[in-house]
PDB file of N, CA and C in Angstrom:
ATOM      1  N   MET A   1      -8.115  23.070 -50.517  1.00  0.00           N
ATOM      2  CA  MET A   1      -8.953  24.088 -50.557  1.00  0.00           C
ATOM      3  C   MET A   1     -10.280  24.078 -51.923  1.00  0.00           C
ATOM      4  N   LYS A   2     -11.198  24.127 -52.168  1.00  0.00           N
ATOM      5  CA  LYS A   2     -11.961  24.025 -53.104  1.00  0.00           C
ATOM      6  C   LYS A   2     -12.593  25.575 -53.710  1.00  0.00           C
ATOM      7  N   ILE A   3     -12.199  25.434 -55.245  1.00  0.00           N
ATOM      8  CA  ILE A   3     -12.356  26.576 -55.691  1.00  0.00           C
ATOM      9  C   ILE A   3     -13.812  27.097 -56.326  1.00  0.00           C
ATOM     10  N   ASN A   4     -14.718  27.569 -56.226  1.00  0.00           N
ATOM     11  CA  ASN A   4     -16.060  27.970 -56.640  1.00  0.00           C
ATOM     12  C   ASN A   4     -15.717  28.131 -57.735  1.00  0.00           C
ATOM     13  N   GLN A   5     -15.915  27.315 -58.766  1.00  0.00           N
ATOM     14  CA  GLN A   5     -16.165  27.725 -60.190  1.00  0.00           C
ATOM     15  C   GLN A   5     -17.542  27.731 -60.984  1.00  0.00           C
ATOM     16  N   THR A   6     -17.788  28.781 -61.005  1.00  0.00           N
ATOM     17  CA  THR A   6     -18.965  29.555 -61.732  1.00  0.00           C
ATOM     18  C   THR A   6     -18.771  29.513 -63.082  1.00  0.00           C
ATOM     19  N   HIS A   7     -17.458  30.156 -63.275  1.00  0.00           N
ATOM     20  CA  HIS A   7     -17.308  30.271 -65.019  1.00  0.00           C
ATOM     21  C   HIS A   7     -16.457  29.069 -65.829  1.00  0.00           C
ATOM     22  N   PRO A   8     -16.547  28.663 -67.283  1.00  0.00           N
ATOM     23  CA  PRO A   8     -16.307  27.709 -67.753  1.00  0.00           C
ATOM     24  C   PRO A   8     -14.573  27.639 -67.087  1.00  0.00           C
ATOM     25  N   LYS A   9     -14.129  26.879 -66.712  1.00  0.00           N
ATOM     26  CA  LYS A   9     -12.672  26.670 -66.320  1.00  0.00           C
ATOM     27  C   LYS A   9     -11.611  26.882 -67.587  1.00  0.00           C
ATOM     28  N   TRP A  10     -11.897  26.385 -68.769  1.00  0.00           N
ATOM     29  CA  TRP A  10     -10.695  26.720 -70.141  1.00  0.00           C
ATOM     30  C   TRP A  10     -11.169  28.444 -70.263  1.00  0.00           C
ATOM     31  N   ILE A  11     -10.806  29.215 -70.989  1.00  0.00           N
ATOM     32  CA  ILE A  11     -10.965  30.614 -71.778  1.00  0.00           C
ATOM     33  C   ILE A  11     -12.014  30.086 -72.987  1.00  0.00           C
ATOM     34  N   TRP A  12     -11.444  29.061 -73.717  1.00  0.00           N
ATOM     35  CA  TRP A  12     -11.950  28.793 -74.834  1.00  0.00           C
ATOM     36  C   TRP A  12     -13.062  28.207 -74.547  1.00  0.00           C
ATOM     37  N   GLU A  13     -13.937  27.487 -73.477  1.00  0.00           N
ATOM     38  CA  GLU A  13     -15.310  27.344 -73.219  1.00  0.00           C
ATOM     39  C   GLU A  13     -16.120  28.095 -73.093  1.00  0.00           C
ATOM     40  N   GLN A  14     -15.713  29.045 -72.875  1.00  0.00           N
ATOM     41  CA  GLN A  14     -16.681  30.926 -72.719  1.00  0.00           C
ATOM     42  C   GLN A  14     -17.154  30.895 -73.981  1.00  0.00           C
ATOM     43  N   ASP A  15     -18.867  31.408 -73.740  1.00  0.00           N
ATOM     44  CA  ASP A  15     -19.235  32.009 -75.102  1.00  0.00           C
ATOM     45  C   ASP A  15     -18.837  32.761 -75.742  1.00  0.00           C
ATOM     46  N   ASP A  16     -18.263  34.190 -75.255  1.00  0.00           N
ATOM     47  CA  ASP A  16     -17.519  34.707 -76.295  1.00  0.00           C
ATOM     48  C   ASP A  16     -16.070  34.585 -76.647  1.00  0.00           C
ATOM     49  N   PHE A  17     -15.524  33.548 -76.750  1.00  0.00           N
ATOM     50  CA  PHE A  17     -14.083  33.360 -76.803  1.00  0.00           C
ATOM     51  C   PHE A  17     -13.694  33.286 -78.654  1.00  0.00           C
ATOM     52  N   PRO A  18     -13.204  33.933 -78.710  1.00  0.00           N
ATOM     53  CA  PRO A  18     -11.958  34.691 -78.097  1.00  0.00           C
ATOM     54  C   PRO A  18     -11.539  35.783 -77.671  1.00  0.00           C
ATOM     55  N   ASN A  19     -12.906  36.634 -77.230  1.00  0.00           N
ATOM     56  CA  ASN A  19     -12.867  37.806 -77.228  1.00  0.00           C
ATOM     57  C   ASN A  19     -12.861  38.000 -75.407  1.00  0.00           C
ATOM     58  N   PHE A  20     -11.612  38.533 -74.604  1.00  0.00           N
ATOM     59  CA  PHE A  20     -11.080  38.202 -73.512  1.00  0.00           C
ATOM     60  C   PHE A  20     -11.939  39.450 -72.701  1.00  0.00           C
ATOM     61  N   THR A  21     -12.313  39.478 -71.922  1.00  0.00           N
ATOM     62  CA  THR A  21     -13.309  40.703 -70.780  1.00  0.00           C
ATOM     63  C   THR A  21     -12.819  40.630 -69.499  1.00  0.00           C
ATOM     64  N   TYR A  22     -12.185  41.435 -68.774  1.00  0.00           N
ATOM     65  CA  TYR A  22     -11.977  41.090 -66.919  1.00  0.00           C
ATOM     66  C   TYR A  22     -12.846  41.958 -65.912  1.00  0.00           C
ATOM     67  N   THR A  23     -12.954  42.038 -65.351  1.00  0.00           N
ATOM     68  CA  THR A  23     -13.545  42.959 -64.215  1.00  0.00           C
ATOM     69  C   THR A  23     -12.560  43.495 -63.480  1.00  0.00           C
ATOM     70  N   GLU A  24     -12.503  44.572 -62.898  1.00  0.00           N
ATOM     71  CA  GLU A  24     -11.284  44.677 -61.267  1.00  0.00           C
ATOM     72  C   GLU A  24     -11.199  43.686 -60.148  1.00  0.00           C
ATOM     73  N   PRO A  25     -12.338  43.658 -60.085  1.00  0.00           N
ATOM     74  CA  PRO A  25     -12.738  42.861 -58.549  1.00  0.00           C
ATOM     75  C   PRO A  25     -11.654  40.850 -59.381  1.00  0.00           C
ATOM     76  N   ASP A  26     -12.192  40.661 -60.548  1.00  0.00           N
ATOM     77  CA  ASP A  26     -11.518  39.729 -60.603  1.00  0.00           C
ATOM     78  C   ASP A  26     -10.147  39.313 -60.664  1.00  0.00           C
ATOM     79  N   LEU A  27      -9.548  40.407 -61.052  1.00  0.00           N
ATOM     80  CA  LEU A  27      -7.932  40.714 -61.055  1.00  0.00           C
ATOM     81  C   LEU A  27      -7.276  41.177 -60.142  1.00  0.00           C
ATOM     82  N   THR A  28      -8.357  41.598 -58.728  1.00  0.00           N
ATOM     83  CA  THR A  28      -7.799  41.747 -57.605  1.00  0.00           C
ATOM     84  C   THR A  28      -7.725  40.511 -56.822  1.00  0.00           C
ATOM     85  N   SER A  29      -8.560  39.572 -57.050  1.00  0.00           N
ATOM     86  CA  SER A  29      -8.534  38.071 -56.370  1.00  0.00           C
ATOM     87  C   SER A  29      -7.568  37.654 -56.694  1.00  0.00           C
ATOM     88  N   LEU A  30      -6.829  37.928 -58.014  1.00  0.00           N
ATOM     89  CA  LEU A  30      -5.948  37.254 -58.785  1.00  0.00           C
ATOM     90  C   LEU A  30      -4.705  37.283 -58.160  1.00  0.00           C
ATOM     91  N   TYR A  31      -4.519  38.934 -58.124  1.00  0.00           N
ATOM     92  CA  TYR A  31      -3.302  39.151 -57.323  1.00  0.00           C
ATOM     93  C   TYR A  31      -3.127  38.502 -56.571  1.00  0.00           C
ATOM     94  N   PHE A  32      -4.275  38.778 -55.429  1.00  0.00           N
ATOM     95  CA  PHE A  32      -3.861  38.427 -53.790  1.00  0.00           C
ATOM     96  C   PHE A  32      -3.646  37.024 -53.784  1.00  0.00           C
ATOM     97  N   LYS A  33      -4.166  36.262 -54.488  1.00  0.00           N
ATOM     98  CA  LYS A  33      -3.559  34.819 -54.295  1.00  0.00           C
ATOM     99  C   LYS A  33      -2.096  34.545 -55.326  1.00  0.00           C
ATOM    100  N   LEU A  34      -2.174  35.175 -55.982  1.00  0.00           N
ATOM    101  CA  LEU A  34      -0.579  35.431 -56.347  1.00  0.00           C
ATOM    102  C   LEU A  34       0.427  35.825 -55.528  1.00  0.00           C
ATOM    103  N   GLY A  35      -0.051  36.412 -54.695  1.00  0.00           N
ATOM    104  CA  GLY A  35       0.782  37.208 -53.225  1.00  0.00           C
ATOM    105  C   GLY A  35       1.030  36.108 -52.441  1.00  0.00           C
ATOM    106  N   GLN A  36       0.185  35.307 -52.310  1.00  0.00           N
ATOM    107  CA  GLN A  36       0.070  34.033 -51.638  1.00  0.00           C
ATOM    108  C   GLN A  36       1.015  32.893 -51.959  1.00  0.00           C
ATOM    109  N   LEU A  37       0.870  32.715 -53.085  1.00  0.00           N
ATOM    110  CA  LEU A  37       1.909  32.031 -53.771  1.00  0.00           C
ATOM    111  C   LEU A  37       3.359  32.236 -53.485  1.00  0.00           C
ATOM    112  N   LYS A  38       3.775  33.454 -53.790  1.00  0.00           N
ATOM    113  CA  LYS A  38       4.980  34.255 -54.083  1.00  0.00           C
ATOM    114  C   LYS A  38       5.484  34.116 -52.594  1.00  0.00           C
ATOM    115  N   MET A  39       4.160  34.480 -51.596  1.00  0.00           N
ATOM    116  CA  MET A  39       4.951  34.370 -49.837  1.00  0.00           C
ATOM    117  C   MET A  39       5.231  32.835 -49.563  1.00  0.00           C
ATOM    118  N   ILE A  40       4.223  31.755 -50.067  1.00  0.00           N
ATOM    119  CA  ILE A  40       5.062  30.340 -50.026  1.00  0.00           C
ATOM    120  C   ILE A  40       6.368  29.948 -50.479  1.00  0.00           C
ATOM    121  N   GLU A  41       6.441  30.499 -52.026  1.00  0.00           N
ATOM    122  CA  GLU A  41       7.625  30.601 -52.617  1.00  0.00           C
ATOM    123  C   GLU A  41       8.756  30.628 -52.116  1.00  0.00           C
ATOM    124  N   LYS A  42       8.657  31.826 -50.979  1.00  0.00           N
ATOM    125  CA  LYS A  42       9.995  32.860 -50.531  1.00  0.00           C
ATOM    126  C   LYS A  42      10.540  31.526 -48.869  1.00  0.00           C
ATOM    127  N   PHE A  43       9.598  31.021 -48.865  1.00  0.00           N
ATOM    128  CA  PHE A  43       9.551  30.206 -47.635  1.00  0.00           C
ATOM    129  C   PHE A  43      10.322  28.749 -48.116  1.00  0.00           C
ATOM    130  N   LEU A  44      10.237  28.128 -49.444  1.00  0.00           N
ATOM    131  CA  LEU A  44      10.694  27.073 -49.509  1.00  0.00           C
ATOM    132  C   LEU A  44      11.798  27.643 -50.174  1.00  0.00           C
ATOM    133  N   ASN A  45      13.011  26.321 -49.799  1.00  0.00           N
ATOM    134  CA  ASN A  45      14.560  26.933 -50.160  1.00  0.00           C
ATOM    135  C   ASN A  45      14.412  26.677 -51.533  1.00  0.00           C
ATOM    136  N   GLU A  46      15.887  26.948 -52.381  1.00  0.00           N
ATOM    137  CA  GLU A  46      16.426  27.193 -53.626  1.00  0.00           C
ATOM    138  C   GLU A  46      15.796  25.403 -54.752  1.00  0.00           C
ATOM    139  N   SER A  47      15.876  25.080 -53.793  1.00  0.00           N
ATOM    140  CA  SER A  47      16.016  23.651 -54.757  1.00  0.00           C
ATOM    141  C   SER A  47      14.647  23.230 -54.664  1.00  0.00           C
ATOM    142  N   SER A  48      14.072  23.272 -53.469  1.00  0.00           N
ATOM    143  CA  SER A  48      12.330  22.921 -53.138  1.00  0.00           C
ATOM    144  C   SER A  48      11.840  23.795 -54.204  1.00  0.00           C
ATOM    145  N   SER A  49      12.089  24.842 -54.745  1.00  0.00           N
ATOM    146  CA  SER A  49      11.495  25.820 -55.606  1.00  0.00           C
ATOM    147  C   SER A  49      11.301  25.614 -56.923  1.00  0.00           C
ATOM    148  N   VAL A  50      12.954  25.157 -57.260  1.00  0.00           N
ATOM    149  CA  VAL A  50      13.331  24.755 -58.578  1.00  0.00           C
ATOM    150  C   VAL A  50      12.303  23.446 -59.130  1.00  0.00           C
ATOM    151  N   GLU A  51      12.420  22.184 -58.162  1.00  0.00           N
ATOM    152  CA  GLU A  51      11.832  21.491 -58.132  1.00  0.00           C
ATOM    153  C   GLU A  51       9.722  21.297 -58.295  1.00  0.00           C
ATOM    154  N   LEU A  52       9.738  22.247 -57.548  1.00  0.00           N
ATOM    155  CA  LEU A  52       7.958  22.719 -57.699  1.00  0.00           C
ATOM    156  C   LEU A  52       7.890  23.130 -59.022  1.00  0.00           C
ATOM    157  N   LEU A  53       8.933  24.042 -59.657  1.00  0.00           N
ATOM    158  CA  LEU A  53       8.463  24.718 -60.944  1.00  0.00           C
ATOM    159  C   LEU A  53       8.665  23.551 -61.817  1.00  0.00           C
ATOM    160  N   VAL A  54       9.727  22.599 -61.751  1.00  0.00           N
ATOM    161  CA  VAL A  54       9.371  21.267 -62.724  1.00  0.00           C
ATOM    162  C   VAL A  54       8.292  20.798 -62.760  1.00  0.00           C
ATOM    163  N   ASP A  55       8.048  20.350 -61.964  1.00  0.00           N
ATOM    164  CA  ASP A  55       6.985  19.823 -61.704  1.00  0.00           C
ATOM    165  C   ASP A  55       5.691  20.048 -62.468  1.00  0.00           C
ATOM    166  N   ARG A  56       4.799  21.543 -62.023  1.00  0.00           N
ATOM    167  CA  ARG A  56       4.242  22.549 -62.325  1.00  0.00           C
ATOM    168  C   ARG A  56       4.115  22.268 -63.929  1.00  0.00           C
ATOM    169  N   LEU A  57       5.628  22.761 -64.044  1.00  0.00           N
ATOM    170  CA  LEU A  57       5.512  22.646 -65.924  1.00  0.00           C
ATOM    171  C   LEU A  57       5.160  21.126 -66.560  1.00  0.00           C
ATOM    172  N   ALA A  58       6.124  20.277 -65.789  1.00  0.00           N
ATOM    173  CA  ALA A  58       5.554  18.913 -66.412  1.00  0.00           C
ATOM    174  C   ALA A  58       4.052  18.580 -66.707  1.00  0.00           C
ATOM    175  N   ASN A  59       3.365  18.798 -65.406  1.00  0.00           N
ATOM    176  CA  ASN A  59       1.854  18.610 -65.283  1.00  0.00           C
ATOM    177  C   ASN A  59       1.302  19.390 -66.184  1.00  0.00           C
ATOM    178  N   GLU A  60       2.064  20.918 -66.628  1.00  0.00           N
ATOM    179  CA  GLU A  60       1.205  21.313 -67.836  1.00  0.00           C
ATOM    180  C   GLU A  60       1.112  20.819 -69.098  1.00  0.00           C
ATOM    181  N   ALA A  61       2.789  20.628 -69.717  1.00  0.00           N
ATOM    182  CA  ALA A  61       2.956  19.590 -70.717  1.00  0.00           C
ATOM    183  C   ALA A  61       1.688  18.465 -70.801  1.00  0.00           C
ATOM    184  N   ILE A  62       1.685  18.051 -69.751  1.00  0.00           N
ATOM    185  CA  ILE A  62       1.017  16.831 -69.660  1.00  0.00           C
ATOM    186  C   ILE A  62      -0.347  16.971 -70.245  1.00  0.00           C
ATOM    187  N   ALA A  63      -0.987  18.197 -69.531  1.00  0.00           N
ATOM    188  CA  ALA A  63      -2.401  18.435 -69.505  1.00  0.00           C
ATOM    189  C   ALA A  63      -2.617  19.279 -70.987  1.00  0.00           C
ATOM    190  N   THR A  64      -1.734  19.783 -71.583  1.00  0.00           N
ATOM    191  CA  THR A  64      -1.716  20.130 -72.671  1.00  0.00           C
ATOM    192  C   THR A  64      -1.593  18.935 -73.790  1.00  0.00           C
ATOM    193  N   SER A  65      -0.957  18.096 -73.866  1.00  0.00           N
ATOM    194  CA  SER A  65      -0.971  17.223 -74.802  1.00  0.00           C
ATOM    195  C   SER A  65      -2.415  16.144 -74.521  1.00  0.00           C
ATOM    196  N   ALA A  66      -2.462  15.970 -73.165  1.00  0.00           N
ATOM    197  CA  ALA A  66      -4.245  15.139 -73.670  1.00  0.00           C
ATOM    198  C   ALA A  66      -4.870  16.612 -73.886  1.00  0.00           C
ATOM    199  N   ILE A  67      -5.065  17.972 -73.945  1.00  0.00           N
ATOM    200  CA  ILE A  67      -6.290  18.344 -74.240  1.00  0.00           C
ATOM    201  C   ILE A  67      -6.010  18.203 -76.309  1.00  0.00           C
ATOM    202  N   GLU A  68      -4.497  17.899 -76.551  1.00  0.00           N
ATOM    203  CA  GLU A  68      -4.077  18.081 -78.441  1.00  0.00           C
ATOM    204  C   GLU A  68      -4.712  16.475 -78.917  1.00  0.00           C
ATOM    205  N   GLY A  69      -4.845  15.885 -77.732  1.00  0.00           N
ATOM    206  CA  GLY A  69      -5.427  14.004 -77.897  1.00  0.00           C
ATOM    207  C   GLY A  69      -3.712  13.511 -78.486  1.00  0.00           C
ATOM    208  N   GLU A  70      -2.835  14.114 -77.643  1.00  0.00           N
ATOM    209  CA  GLU A  70      -1.540  13.304 -77.620  1.00  0.00           C
ATOM    210  C   GLU A  70      -0.829  12.492 -76.703  1.00  0.00           C
ATOM    211  N   ILE A  71      -2.180  11.866 -75.570  1.00  0.00           N
ATOM    212  CA  ILE A  71      -1.638  10.615 -74.966  1.00  0.00           C
ATOM    213  C   ILE A  71      -3.255  10.441 -74.227  1.00  0.00           C
TER     214      ILE A  71
END
């Protein structure tokens, strides 16, 4: 799935950072995507769900370390 990225990927890349603003349609779209992810999670068994969470957290930690220049 390709995401149409019209805004900077990271909040600190926005011109008005650190002032966070949002619109109702933006949140509605995100809530819809969150619902889709929760539905997929329900189909996974518990061990798969935990494994997916651990993998996601590890990827986030690696990305954060890369941003900070630690790797």
